[in-house]
Amino acid sequence: MIHSGFKSIVVLAALVPVGNAAAVRTGRPMVQPPVIVSTAVDIHENGMVITGHHFGPSAPTVRLGDQILSVKSHTENQAVVGLPPEIEPATYRLTVTTEGPRRLTSDPFSATVTSVANR
């Protein structure tokens, strides 16, 4: 048997992990953009309750149409905002943007304001 002096080389290819696997590997938590699931208008408080996910630990910026709304309270999954007294009943584009070093904005959500408190 003749030996050629060459050794076999095995090349293994691996996919770079993405998503949660990448976050675990690097030790950094995965940051996800906010997601709006539903809204409800509270006509007695002239406000809106926004329910969803990933709103962040700090009060997010909530935009309804071209107006930034005041955040009365918030959790990771809910934000309660005040509606301006001059708002007209209509369907508006609603977004939630997290605060902090990495600002992430939700996909637009169609929020309907059907009635508000007496002006």
PDB file of N, CA and C in Angstrom:
ATOM      1  N   MET A   1       0.843  -1.172   0.000  1.00  0.00           N
ATOM      2  CA  MET A   1       0.000   0.000   0.000  1.00  0.00           C
ATOM      3  C   MET A   1       0.886   1.232   0.000  1.00  0.00           C
ATOM      4  N   ILE A   2       0.560   2.192  -0.836  1.00  0.00           N
ATOM      5  CA  ILE A   2       1.364   3.401  -0.977  1.00  0.00           C
ATOM      6  C   ILE A   2       0.685   4.523  -0.190  1.00  0.00           C
ATOM      7  N   HIS A   3       1.459   5.201   0.631  1.00  0.00           N
ATOM      8  CA  HIS A   3       0.954   6.353   1.397  1.00  0.00           C
ATOM      9  C   HIS A   3       1.365   7.619   0.672  1.00  0.00           C
ATOM     10  N   SER A   4       0.430   8.463   0.415  1.00  0.00           N
ATOM     11  CA  SER A   4       0.742   9.675  -0.338  1.00  0.00           C
ATOM     12  C   SER A   4       1.184  10.834   0.548  1.00  0.00           C
ATOM     13  N   GLY A   5       1.062  10.717   1.822  1.00  0.00           N
ATOM     14  CA  GLY A   5       1.461  11.798   2.721  1.00  0.00           C
ATOM     15  C   GLY A   5       0.372  12.838   2.926  1.00  0.00           C
ATOM     16  N   PHE A   6      -0.779  12.669   2.307  1.00  0.00           N
ATOM     17  CA  PHE A   6      -1.891  13.592   2.497  1.00  0.00           C
ATOM     18  C   PHE A   6      -2.849  13.037   3.527  1.00  0.00           C
ATOM     19  N   LYS A   7      -3.364  13.910   4.335  1.00  0.00           N
ATOM     20  CA  LYS A   7      -4.362  13.516   5.324  1.00  0.00           C
ATOM     21  C   LYS A   7      -5.711  14.057   4.895  1.00  0.00           C
ATOM     22  N   SER A   8      -6.717  13.345   5.215  1.00  0.00           N
ATOM     23  CA  SER A   8      -8.065  13.824   4.915  1.00  0.00           C
ATOM     24  C   SER A   8      -8.414  14.967   5.844  1.00  0.00           C
ATOM     25  N   ILE A   9      -9.060  15.947   5.300  1.00  0.00           N
ATOM     26  CA  ILE A   9      -9.516  17.083   6.096  1.00  0.00           C
ATOM     27  C   ILE A   9     -11.033  17.102   6.018  1.00  0.00           C
ATOM     28  N   VAL A  10     -11.656  17.111   7.157  1.00  0.00           N
ATOM     29  CA  VAL A  10     -13.107  17.156   7.224  1.00  0.00           C
ATOM     30  C   VAL A  10     -13.496  18.593   7.541  1.00  0.00           C
ATOM     31  N   VAL A  11     -14.341  19.164   6.718  1.00  0.00           N
ATOM     32  CA  VAL A  11     -14.813  20.525   6.922  1.00  0.00           C
ATOM     33  C   VAL A  11     -16.260  20.452   7.377  1.00  0.00           C
ATOM     34  N   LEU A  12     -16.499  21.033   8.528  1.00  0.00           N
ATOM     35  CA  LEU A  12     -17.859  21.080   9.054  1.00  0.00           C
ATOM     36  C   LEU A  12     -18.358  22.510   8.943  1.00  0.00           C
ATOM     37  N   ALA A  13     -19.520  22.657   8.410  1.00  0.00           N
ATOM     38  CA  ALA A  13     -20.128  23.984   8.298  1.00  0.00           C
ATOM     39  C   ALA A  13     -21.291  24.044   9.270  1.00  0.00           C
ATOM     40  N   ALA A  14     -21.420  25.175   9.922  1.00  0.00           N
ATOM     41  CA  ALA A  14     -22.527  25.362  10.870  1.00  0.00           C
ATOM     42  C   ALA A  14     -23.220  26.668  10.544  1.00  0.00           C
ATOM     43  N   LEU A  15     -24.500  26.719  10.798  1.00  0.00           N
ATOM     44  CA  LEU A  15     -25.253  27.948  10.622  1.00  0.00           C
ATOM     45  C   LEU A  15     -25.071  28.811  11.854  1.00  0.00           C
ATOM     46  N   VAL A  16     -24.963  30.088  11.645  1.00  0.00           N
ATOM     47  CA  VAL A  16     -24.858  31.015  12.763  1.00  0.00           C
ATOM     48  C   VAL A  16     -26.223  31.090  13.421  1.00  0.00           C
ATOM     49  N   PRO A  17     -26.292  30.903  14.744  1.00  0.00           N
ATOM     50  CA  PRO A  17     -27.600  30.939  15.401  1.00  0.00           C
ATOM     51  C   PRO A  17     -28.207  32.329  15.320  1.00  0.00           C
ATOM     52  N   VAL A  18     -29.516  32.362  15.190  1.00  0.00           N
ATOM     53  CA  VAL A  18     -30.251  33.623  15.176  1.00  0.00           C
ATOM     54  C   VAL A  18     -31.336  33.567  16.231  1.00  0.00           C
ATOM     55  N   GLY A  19     -31.936  34.706  16.489  1.00  0.00           N
ATOM     56  CA  GLY A  19     -33.042  34.755  17.448  1.00  0.00           C
ATOM     57  C   GLY A  19     -32.569  34.489  18.858  1.00  0.00           C
ATOM     58  N   ASN A  20     -33.373  33.762  19.625  1.00  0.00           N
ATOM     59  CA  ASN A  20     -33.065  33.505  21.026  1.00  0.00           C
ATOM     60  C   ASN A  20     -31.758  32.754  21.204  1.00  0.00           C
ATOM     61  N   ALA A  21     -31.427  31.868  20.281  1.00  0.00           N
ATOM     62  CA  ALA A  21     -30.178  31.116  20.395  1.00  0.00           C
ATOM     63  C   ALA A  21     -28.985  32.060  20.360  1.00  0.00           C
ATOM     64  N   ALA A  22     -29.034  33.085  19.504  1.00  0.00           N
ATOM     65  CA  ALA A  22     -27.937  34.042  19.434  1.00  0.00           C
ATOM     66  C   ALA A  22     -27.876  34.860  20.714  1.00  0.00           C
ATOM     67  N   ALA A  23     -29.010  35.224  21.254  1.00  0.00           N
ATOM     68  CA  ALA A  23     -29.038  36.017  22.480  1.00  0.00           C
ATOM     69  C   ALA A  23     -28.461  35.222  23.644  1.00  0.00           C
ATOM     70  N   VAL A  24     -28.790  33.959  23.717  1.00  0.00           N
ATOM     71  CA  VAL A  24     -28.270  33.128  24.795  1.00  0.00           C
ATOM     72  C   VAL A  24     -26.768  32.960  24.645  1.00  0.00           C
ATOM     73  N   ARG A  25     -26.308  32.744  23.422  1.00  0.00           N
ATOM     74  CA  ARG A  25     -24.894  32.512  23.170  1.00  0.00           C
ATOM     75  C   ARG A  25     -24.060  33.730  23.553  1.00  0.00           C
ATOM     76  N   THR A  26     -24.553  34.930  23.285  1.00  0.00           N
ATOM     77  CA  THR A  26     -23.791  36.128  23.573  1.00  0.00           C
ATOM     78  C   THR A  26     -24.012  36.624  24.998  1.00  0.00           C
ATOM     79  N   GLY A  27     -25.017  36.106  25.664  1.00  0.00           N
ATOM     80  CA  GLY A  27     -25.292  36.534  27.029  1.00  0.00           C
ATOM     81  C   GLY A  27     -26.127  37.797  27.098  1.00  0.00           C
ATOM     82  N   ARG A  28     -26.510  38.372  25.971  1.00  0.00           N
ATOM     83  CA  ARG A  28     -27.336  39.575  25.972  1.00  0.00           C
ATOM     84  C   ARG A  28     -28.791  39.187  25.745  1.00  0.00           C
ATOM     85  N   PRO A  29     -29.722  39.839  26.451  1.00  0.00           N
ATOM     86  CA  PRO A  29     -31.134  39.521  26.220  1.00  0.00           C
ATOM     87  C   PRO A  29     -31.552  39.996  24.828  1.00  0.00           C
ATOM     88  N   MET A  30     -32.437  39.244  24.227  1.00  0.00           N
ATOM     89  CA  MET A  30     -32.933  39.610  22.907  1.00  0.00           C
ATOM     90  C   MET A  30     -33.941  40.742  23.046  1.00  0.00           C
ATOM     91  N   VAL A  31     -33.766  41.786  22.261  1.00  0.00           N
ATOM     92  CA  VAL A  31     -34.656  42.930  22.295  1.00  0.00           C
ATOM     93  C   VAL A  31     -35.627  42.800  21.131  1.00  0.00           C
ATOM     94  N   GLN A  32     -36.907  42.858  21.453  1.00  0.00           N
ATOM     95  CA  GLN A  32     -37.938  42.726  20.425  1.00  0.00           C
ATOM     96  C   GLN A  32     -38.736  44.015  20.345  1.00  0.00           C
ATOM     97  N   PRO A  33     -39.221  44.352  19.157  1.00  0.00           N
ATOM     98  CA  PRO A  33     -40.025  45.564  19.031  1.00  0.00           C
ATOM     99  C   PRO A  33     -41.374  45.387  19.711  1.00  0.00           C
ATOM    100  N   PRO A  34     -41.988  46.490  20.127  1.00  0.00           N
ATOM    101  CA  PRO A  34     -43.314  46.390  20.730  1.00  0.00           C
ATOM    102  C   PRO A  34     -44.333  45.869  19.717  1.00  0.00           C
ATOM    103  N   VAL A  35     -45.337  45.186  20.239  1.00  0.00           N
ATOM    104  CA  VAL A  35     -46.427  44.655  19.420  1.00  0.00           C
ATOM    105  C   VAL A  35     -47.735  45.116  20.051  1.00  0.00           C
ATOM    106  N   ILE A  36     -48.579  45.767  19.263  1.00  0.00           N
ATOM    107  CA  ILE A  36     -49.906  46.187  19.734  1.00  0.00           C
ATOM    108  C   ILE A  36     -50.898  45.096  19.369  1.00  0.00           C
ATOM    109  N   VAL A  37     -51.653  44.621  20.372  1.00  0.00           N
ATOM    110  CA  VAL A  37     -52.632  43.565  20.154  1.00  0.00           C
ATOM    111  C   VAL A  37     -54.048  44.128  20.092  1.00  0.00           C
ATOM    112  N   SER A  38     -54.361  45.076  20.987  1.00  0.00           N
ATOM    113  CA  SER A  38     -55.710  45.635  21.011  1.00  0.00           C
ATOM    114  C   SER A  38     -55.705  47.005  21.680  1.00  0.00           C
ATOM    115  N   THR A  39     -56.797  47.731  21.457  1.00  0.00           N
ATOM    116  CA  THR A  39     -56.990  49.022  22.121  1.00  0.00           C
ATOM    117  C   THR A  39     -58.432  49.105  22.606  1.00  0.00           C
ATOM    118  N   ALA A  40     -58.631  49.909  23.635  1.00  0.00           N
ATOM    119  CA  ALA A  40     -59.977  50.166  24.148  1.00  0.00           C
ATOM    120  C   ALA A  40     -60.029  51.610  24.622  1.00  0.00           C
ATOM    121  N   VAL A  41     -61.043  52.328  24.209  1.00  0.00           N
ATOM    122  CA  VAL A  41     -61.207  53.714  24.632  1.00  0.00           C
ATOM    123  C   VAL A  41     -61.997  53.735  25.928  1.00  0.00           C
ATOM    124  N   ASP A  42     -61.497  54.492  26.903  1.00  0.00           N
ATOM    125  CA  ASP A  42     -62.188  54.688  28.173  1.00  0.00           C
ATOM    126  C   ASP A  42     -62.789  56.093  28.132  1.00  0.00           C
ATOM    127  N   ILE A  43     -64.083  56.169  27.802  1.00  0.00           N
ATOM    128  CA  ILE A  43     -64.706  57.481  27.620  1.00  0.00           C
ATOM    129  C   ILE A  43     -64.840  58.257  28.928  1.00  0.00           C
ATOM    130  N   HIS A  44     -64.883  57.550  30.051  1.00  0.00           N
ATOM    131  CA  HIS A  44     -65.004  58.232  31.340  1.00  0.00           C
ATOM    132  C   HIS A  44     -63.705  58.925  31.729  1.00  0.00           C
ATOM    133  N   GLU A  45     -62.591  58.365  31.346  1.00  0.00           N
ATOM    134  CA  GLU A  45     -61.283  58.942  31.673  1.00  0.00           C
ATOM    135  C   GLU A  45     -60.666  59.684  30.488  1.00  0.00           C
ATOM    136  N   ASN A  46     -61.391  59.715  29.361  1.00  0.00           N
ATOM    137  CA  ASN A  46     -60.885  60.328  28.131  1.00  0.00           C
ATOM    138  C   ASN A  46     -59.493  59.782  27.789  1.00  0.00           C
ATOM    139  N   GLY A  47     -59.407  58.451  27.808  1.00  0.00           N
ATOM    140  CA  GLY A  47     -58.126  57.805  27.556  1.00  0.00           C
ATOM    141  C   GLY A  47     -58.280  56.547  26.727  1.00  0.00           C
ATOM    142  N   MET A  48     -57.157  55.903  26.505  1.00  0.00           N
ATOM    143  CA  MET A  48     -57.125  54.665  25.737  1.00  0.00           C
ATOM    144  C   MET A  48     -56.198  53.680  26.437  1.00  0.00           C
ATOM    145  N   VAL A  49     -56.642  52.433  26.493  1.00  0.00           N
ATOM    146  CA  VAL A  49     -55.824  51.349  27.040  1.00  0.00           C
ATOM    147  C   VAL A  49     -55.284  50.572  25.845  1.00  0.00           C
ATOM    148  N   ILE A  50     -53.965  50.471  25.769  1.00  0.00           N
ATOM    149  CA  ILE A  50     -53.298  49.757  24.675  1.00  0.00           C
ATOM    150  C   ILE A  50     -52.695  48.493  25.267  1.00  0.00           C
ATOM    151  N   THR A  51     -53.057  47.353  24.722  1.00  0.00           N
ATOM    152  CA  THR A  51     -52.556  46.071  25.210  1.00  0.00           C
ATOM    153  C   THR A  51     -51.660  45.453  24.148  1.00  0.00           C
ATOM    154  N   GLY A  52     -50.575  44.820  24.604  1.00  0.00           N
ATOM    155  CA  GLY A  52     -49.646  44.205  23.659  1.00  0.00           C
ATOM    156  C   GLY A  52     -48.485  43.548  24.373  1.00  0.00           C
ATOM    157  N   HIS A  53     -47.312  43.631  23.763  1.00  0.00           N
ATOM    158  CA  HIS A  53     -46.104  42.992  24.302  1.00  0.00           C
ATOM    159  C   HIS A  53     -44.887  43.878  24.060  1.00  0.00           C
ATOM    160  N   HIS A  54     -43.893  43.735  24.916  1.00  0.00           N
ATOM    161  CA  HIS A  54     -42.569  44.361  24.745  1.00  0.00           C
ATOM    162  C   HIS A  54     -42.617  45.885  24.752  1.00  0.00           C
ATOM    163  N   PHE A  55     -43.440  46.480  25.649  1.00  0.00           N
ATOM    164  CA  PHE A  55     -43.512  47.928  25.723  1.00  0.00           C
ATOM    165  C   PHE A  55     -42.326  48.521  26.488  1.00  0.00           C
ATOM    166  N   GLY A  56     -41.522  47.675  27.128  1.00  0.00           N
ATOM    167  CA  GLY A  56     -40.310  48.135  27.800  1.00  0.00           C
ATOM    168  C   GLY A  56     -40.531  48.550  29.237  1.00  0.00           C
ATOM    169  N   PRO A  57     -39.426  48.691  29.985  1.00  0.00           N
ATOM    170  CA  PRO A  57     -39.522  49.057  31.401  1.00  0.00           C
ATOM    171  C   PRO A  57     -39.799  50.545  31.617  1.00  0.00           C
ATOM    172  N   SER A  58     -39.446  51.390  30.666  1.00  0.00           N
ATOM    173  CA  SER A  58     -39.705  52.827  30.766  1.00  0.00           C
ATOM    174  C   SER A  58     -40.959  53.171  29.970  1.00  0.00           C
ATOM    175  N   ALA A  59     -41.559  54.289  30.304  1.00  0.00           N
ATOM    176  CA  ALA A  59     -42.770  54.718  29.587  1.00  0.00           C
ATOM    177  C   ALA A  59     -42.458  54.872  28.104  1.00  0.00           C
ATOM    178  N   PRO A  60     -43.229  54.216  27.246  1.00  0.00           N
ATOM    179  CA  PRO A  60     -42.981  54.323  25.808  1.00  0.00           C
ATOM    180  C   PRO A  60     -43.542  55.631  25.251  1.00  0.00           C
ATOM    181  N   THR A  61     -43.154  55.948  24.034  1.00  0.00           N
ATOM    182  CA  THR A  61     -43.757  57.052  23.304  1.00  0.00           C
ATOM    183  C   THR A  61     -44.902  56.479  22.490  1.00  0.00           C
ATOM    184  N   VAL A  62     -46.093  57.062  22.661  1.00  0.00           N
ATOM    185  CA  VAL A  62     -47.276  56.574  21.948  1.00  0.00           C
ATOM    186  C   VAL A  62     -47.731  57.680  21.002  1.00  0.00           C
ATOM    187  N   ARG A  63     -47.845  57.310  19.749  1.00  0.00           N
ATOM    188  CA  ARG A  63     -48.259  58.268  18.723  1.00  0.00           C
ATOM    189  C   ARG A  63     -49.579  57.803  18.112  1.00  0.00           C
ATOM    190  N   LEU A  64     -50.553  58.712  18.113  1.00  0.00           N
ATOM    191  CA  LEU A  64     -51.865  58.457  17.507  1.00  0.00           C
ATOM    192  C   LEU A  64     -52.011  59.471  16.382  1.00  0.00           C
ATOM    193  N   GLY A  65     -51.983  58.985  15.145  1.00  0.00           N
ATOM    194  CA  GLY A  65     -51.951  59.908  14.016  1.00  0.00           C
ATOM    195  C   GLY A  65     -50.675  60.715  14.084  1.00  0.00           C
ATOM    196  N   ASP A  66     -50.790  62.041  14.079  1.00  0.00           N
ATOM    197  CA  ASP A  66     -49.599  62.890  14.166  1.00  0.00           C
ATOM    198  C   ASP A  66     -49.388  63.469  15.572  1.00  0.00           C
ATOM    199  N   GLN A  67     -50.126  62.949  16.559  1.00  0.00           N
ATOM    200  CA  GLN A  67     -50.017  63.464  17.927  1.00  0.00           C
ATOM    201  C   GLN A  67     -49.322  62.470  18.852  1.00  0.00           C
ATOM    202  N   ILE A  68     -48.465  62.985  19.715  1.00  0.00           N
ATOM    203  CA  ILE A  68     -47.872  62.163  20.764  1.00  0.00           C
ATOM    204  C   ILE A  68     -48.776  62.270  21.982  1.00  0.00           C
ATOM    205  N   LEU A  69     -49.183  61.116  22.511  1.00  0.00           N
ATOM    206  CA  LEU A  69     -50.112  61.074  23.637  1.00  0.00           C
ATOM    207  C   LEU A  69     -49.367  60.990  24.954  1.00  0.00           C
ATOM    208  N   SER A  70     -49.966  61.514  26.014  1.00  0.00           N
ATOM    209  CA  SER A  70     -49.365  61.413  27.341  1.00  0.00           C
ATOM    210  C   SER A  70     -49.634  60.014  27.905  1.00  0.00           C
ATOM    211  N   VAL A  71     -48.584  59.390  28.424  1.00  0.00           N
ATOM    212  CA  VAL A  71     -48.703  58.058  29.023  1.00  0.00           C
ATOM    213  C   VAL A  71     -49.011  58.239  30.502  1.00  0.00           C
ATOM    214  N   LYS A  72     -50.197  57.775  30.916  1.00  0.00           N
ATOM    215  CA  LYS A  72     -50.606  57.892  32.319  1.00  0.00           C
ATOM    216  C   LYS A  72     -50.004  56.779  33.172  1.00  0.00           C
ATOM    217  N   SER A  73     -49.957  55.563  32.618  1.00  0.00           N
ATOM    218  CA  SER A  73     -49.340  54.427  33.302  1.00  0.00           C
ATOM    219  C   SER A  73     -48.947  53.408  32.245  1.00  0.00           C
ATOM    220  N   HIS A  74     -48.043  52.519  32.630  1.00  0.00           N
ATOM    221  CA  HIS A  74     -47.604  51.503  31.673  1.00  0.00           C
ATOM    222  C   HIS A  74     -47.011  50.302  32.392  1.00  0.00           C
ATOM    223  N   THR A  75     -47.048  49.177  31.712  1.00  0.00           N
ATOM    224  CA  THR A  75     -46.337  47.965  32.116  1.00  0.00           C
ATOM    225  C   THR A  75     -45.691  47.424  30.845  1.00  0.00           C
ATOM    226  N   GLU A  76     -45.059  46.295  30.956  1.00  0.00           N
ATOM    227  CA  GLU A  76     -44.444  45.652  29.790  1.00  0.00           C
ATOM    228  C   GLU A  76     -45.496  45.299  28.729  1.00  0.00           C
ATOM    229  N   ASN A  77     -46.745  45.086  29.167  1.00  0.00           N
ATOM    230  CA  ASN A  77     -47.795  44.617  28.253  1.00  0.00           C
ATOM    231  C   ASN A  77     -48.983  45.557  28.104  1.00  0.00           C
ATOM    232  N   GLN A  78     -48.918  46.736  28.715  1.00  0.00           N
ATOM    233  CA  GLN A  78     -50.059  47.641  28.631  1.00  0.00           C
ATOM    234  C   GLN A  78     -49.619  49.084  28.828  1.00  0.00           C
ATOM    235  N   ALA A  79     -50.268  49.980  28.104  1.00  0.00           N
ATOM    236  CA  ALA A  79     -50.051  51.415  28.292  1.00  0.00           C
ATOM    237  C   ALA A  79     -51.418  52.090  28.349  1.00  0.00           C
ATOM    238  N   VAL A  80     -51.584  52.982  29.310  1.00  0.00           N
ATOM    239  CA  VAL A  80     -52.808  53.781  29.422  1.00  0.00           C
ATOM    240  C   VAL A  80     -52.411  55.206  29.062  1.00  0.00           C
ATOM    241  N   VAL A  81     -53.072  55.742  28.041  1.00  0.00           N
ATOM    242  CA  VAL A  81     -52.722  57.066  27.550  1.00  0.00           C
ATOM    243  C   VAL A  81     -53.935  57.975  27.584  1.00  0.00           C
ATOM    244  N   GLY A  82     -53.678  59.277  27.680  1.00  0.00           N
ATOM    245  CA  GLY A  82     -54.741  60.263  27.609  1.00  0.00           C
ATOM    246  C   GLY A  82     -55.002  60.630  26.162  1.00  0.00           C
ATOM    247  N   LEU A  83     -56.258  60.882  25.858  1.00  0.00           N
ATOM    248  CA  LEU A  83     -56.631  61.339  24.521  1.00  0.00           C
ATOM    249  C   LEU A  83     -56.828  62.849  24.562  1.00  0.00           C
ATOM    250  N   PRO A  84     -56.403  63.551  23.539  1.00  0.00           N
ATOM    251  CA  PRO A  84     -56.621  65.000  23.521  1.00  0.00           C
ATOM    252  C   PRO A  84     -58.112  65.320  23.456  1.00  0.00           C
ATOM    253  N   PRO A  85     -58.567  66.352  24.148  1.00  0.00           N
ATOM    254  CA  PRO A  85     -60.001  66.663  24.182  1.00  0.00           C
ATOM    255  C   PRO A  85     -60.566  67.006  22.804  1.00  0.00           C
ATOM    256  N   GLU A  86     -59.739  67.484  21.898  1.00  0.00           N
ATOM    257  CA  GLU A  86     -60.235  67.886  20.578  1.00  0.00           C
ATOM    258  C   GLU A  86     -60.237  66.753  19.548  1.00  0.00           C
ATOM    259  N   ILE A  87     -59.916  65.534  19.969  1.00  0.00           N
ATOM    260  CA  ILE A  87     -59.836  64.421  19.021  1.00  0.00           C
ATOM    261  C   ILE A  87     -61.210  64.095  18.448  1.00  0.00           C
ATOM    262  N   GLU A  88     -61.245  63.871  17.163  1.00  0.00           N
ATOM    263  CA  GLU A  88     -62.484  63.530  16.467  1.00  0.00           C
ATOM    264  C   GLU A  88     -62.622  62.016  16.361  1.00  0.00           C
ATOM    265  N   PRO A  89     -63.844  61.496  16.439  1.00  0.00           N
ATOM    266  CA  PRO A  89     -64.042  60.054  16.222  1.00  0.00           C
ATOM    267  C   PRO A  89     -63.562  59.673  14.820  1.00  0.00           C
ATOM    268  N   ALA A  90     -62.684  58.688  14.765  1.00  0.00           N
ATOM    269  CA  ALA A  90     -62.114  58.232  13.489  1.00  0.00           C
ATOM    270  C   ALA A  90     -61.210  57.034  13.773  1.00  0.00           C
ATOM    271  N   THR A  91     -60.647  56.475  12.717  1.00  0.00           N
ATOM    272  CA  THR A  91     -59.635  55.432  12.857  1.00  0.00           C
ATOM    273  C   THR A  91     -58.288  56.082  12.610  1.00  0.00           C
ATOM    274  N   TYR A  92     -57.362  55.871  13.539  1.00  0.00           N
ATOM    275  CA  TYR A  92     -56.049  56.503  13.506  1.00  0.00           C
ATOM    276  C   TYR A  92     -54.946  55.453  13.442  1.00  0.00           C
ATOM    277  N   ARG A  93     -53.804  55.859  12.938  1.00  0.00           N
ATOM    278  CA  ARG A  93     -52.604  55.021  12.953  1.00  0.00           C
ATOM    279  C   ARG A  93     -51.959  55.181  14.332  1.00  0.00           C
ATOM    280  N   LEU A  94     -51.775  54.072  15.025  1.00  0.00           N
ATOM    281  CA  LEU A  94     -51.213  54.068  16.375  1.00  0.00           C
ATOM    282  C   LEU A  94     -49.884  53.328  16.375  1.00  0.00           C
ATOM    283  N   THR A  95     -48.857  53.912  17.003  1.00  0.00           N
ATOM    284  CA  THR A  95     -47.581  53.221  17.173  1.00  0.00           C
ATOM    285  C   THR A  95     -47.092  53.404  18.604  1.00  0.00           C
ATOM    286  N   VAL A  96     -46.318  52.427  19.063  1.00  0.00           N
ATOM    287  CA  VAL A  96     -45.669  52.474  20.372  1.00  0.00           C
ATOM    288  C   VAL A  96     -44.169  52.353  20.122  1.00  0.00           C
ATOM    289  N   THR A  97     -43.385  53.267  20.701  1.00  0.00           N
ATOM    290  CA  THR A  97     -41.932  53.250  20.556  1.00  0.00           C
ATOM    291  C   THR A  97     -41.307  53.131  21.933  1.00  0.00           C
ATOM    292  N   THR A  98     -40.437  52.143  22.107  1.00  0.00           N
ATOM    293  CA  THR A  98     -39.764  51.955  23.388  1.00  0.00           C
ATOM    294  C   THR A  98     -38.721  53.050  23.589  1.00  0.00           C
ATOM    295  N   GLU A  99     -38.429  53.329  24.845  1.00  0.00           N
ATOM    296  CA  GLU A  99     -37.416  54.315  25.197  1.00  0.00           C
ATOM    297  C   GLU A  99     -36.122  53.594  25.560  1.00  0.00           C
ATOM    298  N   GLY A 100     -35.041  54.327  25.607  1.00  0.00           N
ATOM    299  CA  GLY A 100     -33.768  53.742  25.985  1.00  0.00           C
ATOM    300  C   GLY A 100     -32.764  53.810  24.855  1.00  0.00           C
ATOM    301  N   PRO A 101     -31.630  53.116  25.034  1.00  0.00           N
ATOM    302  CA  PRO A 101     -30.567  53.213  24.040  1.00  0.00           C
ATOM    303  C   PRO A 101     -30.951  52.636  22.677  1.00  0.00           C
ATOM    304  N   ARG A 102     -31.885  51.718  22.667  1.00  0.00           N
ATOM    305  CA  ARG A 102     -32.318  51.123  21.397  1.00  0.00           C
ATOM    306  C   ARG A 102     -33.822  51.323  21.249  1.00  0.00           C
ATOM    307  N   ARG A 103     -34.208  52.379  20.554  1.00  0.00           N
ATOM    308  CA  ARG A 103     -35.625  52.704  20.360  1.00  0.00           C
ATOM    309  C   ARG A 103     -36.187  51.825  19.254  1.00  0.00           C
ATOM    310  N   LEU A 104     -37.223  51.074  19.585  1.00  0.00           N
ATOM    311  CA  LEU A 104     -37.892  50.217  18.612  1.00  0.00           C
ATOM    312  C   LEU A 104     -39.356  50.631  18.526  1.00  0.00           C
ATOM    313  N   THR A 105     -39.887  50.629  17.308  1.00  0.00           N
ATOM    314  CA  THR A 105     -41.270  51.059  17.083  1.00  0.00           C
ATOM    315  C   THR A 105     -42.099  49.889  16.589  1.00  0.00           C
ATOM    316  N   SER A 106     -43.321  49.811  17.098  1.00  0.00           N
ATOM    317  CA  SER A 106     -44.255  48.763  16.679  1.00  0.00           C
ATOM    318  C   SER A 106     -44.665  48.967  15.231  1.00  0.00           C
ATOM    319  N   ASP A 107     -45.219  47.924  14.649  1.00  0.00           N
ATOM    320  CA  ASP A 107     -45.891  48.076  13.371  1.00  0.00           C
ATOM    321  C   ASP A 107     -47.115  48.952  13.615  1.00  0.00           C
ATOM    322  N   PRO A 108     -47.554  49.706  12.623  1.00  0.00           N
ATOM    323  CA  PRO A 108     -48.750  50.539  12.814  1.00  0.00           C
ATOM    324  C   PRO A 108     -49.976  49.678  13.123  1.00  0.00           C
ATOM    325  N   PHE A 109     -50.814  50.201  13.999  1.00  0.00           N
ATOM    326  CA  PHE A 109     -52.052  49.535  14.398  1.00  0.00           C
ATOM    327  C   PHE A 109     -53.197  50.502  14.108  1.00  0.00           C
ATOM    328  N   SER A 110     -54.286  50.022  13.551  1.00  0.00           N
ATOM    329  CA  SER A 110     -55.453  50.862  13.294  1.00  0.00           C
ATOM    330  C   SER A 110     -56.309  50.916  14.550  1.00  0.00           C
ATOM    331  N   ALA A 111     -56.299  52.077  15.195  1.00  0.00           N
ATOM    332  CA  ALA A 111     -57.052  52.274  16.440  1.00  0.00           C
ATOM    333  C   ALA A 111     -58.257  53.160  16.154  1.00  0.00           C
ATOM    334  N   THR A 112     -59.421  52.694  16.532  1.00  0.00           N
ATOM    335  CA  THR A 112     -60.643  53.447  16.291  1.00  0.00           C
ATOM    336  C   THR A 112     -61.084  54.145  17.563  1.00  0.00           C
ATOM    337  N   VAL A 113     -61.290  55.447  17.441  1.00  0.00           N
ATOM    338  CA  VAL A 113     -61.845  56.254  18.524  1.00  0.00           C
ATOM    339  C   VAL A 113     -63.275  56.562  18.096  1.00  0.00           C
ATOM    340  N   THR A 114     -64.234  55.948  18.791  1.00  0.00           N
ATOM    341  CA  THR A 114     -65.634  56.126  18.397  1.00  0.00           C
ATOM    342  C   THR A 114     -66.304  57.257  19.149  1.00  0.00           C
ATOM    343  N   SER A 115     -65.903  57.470  20.403  1.00  0.00           N
ATOM    344  CA  SER A 115     -66.464  58.572  21.173  1.00  0.00           C
ATOM    345  C   SER A 115     -65.508  58.876  22.318  1.00  0.00           C
ATOM    346  N   VAL A 116     -65.567  60.104  22.783  1.00  0.00           N
ATOM    347  CA  VAL A 116     -64.718  60.522  23.894  1.00  0.00           C
ATOM    348  C   VAL A 116     -65.614  61.226  24.911  1.00  0.00           C
ATOM    349  N   ALA A 117     -65.034  61.551  26.069  1.00  0.00           N
ATOM    350  CA  ALA A 117     -65.794  62.225  27.125  1.00  0.00           C
ATOM    351  C   ALA A 117     -66.305  63.568  26.639  1.00  0.00           C
ATOM    352  N   ASN A 118     -67.316  64.075  27.310  1.00  0.00           N
ATOM    353  CA  ASN A 118     -67.855  65.390  26.946  1.00  0.00           C
ATOM    354  C   ASN A 118     -66.764  66.433  26.992  1.00  0.00           C
ATOM    355  N   ARG A 119     -66.773  67.292  26.010  1.00  0.00           N
ATOM    356  CA  ARG A 119     -65.711  68.306  25.896  1.00  0.00           C
ATOM    357  C   ARG A 119     -66.044  69.506  26.677  1.00  0.00           C
TER     358      ARG A 119
END
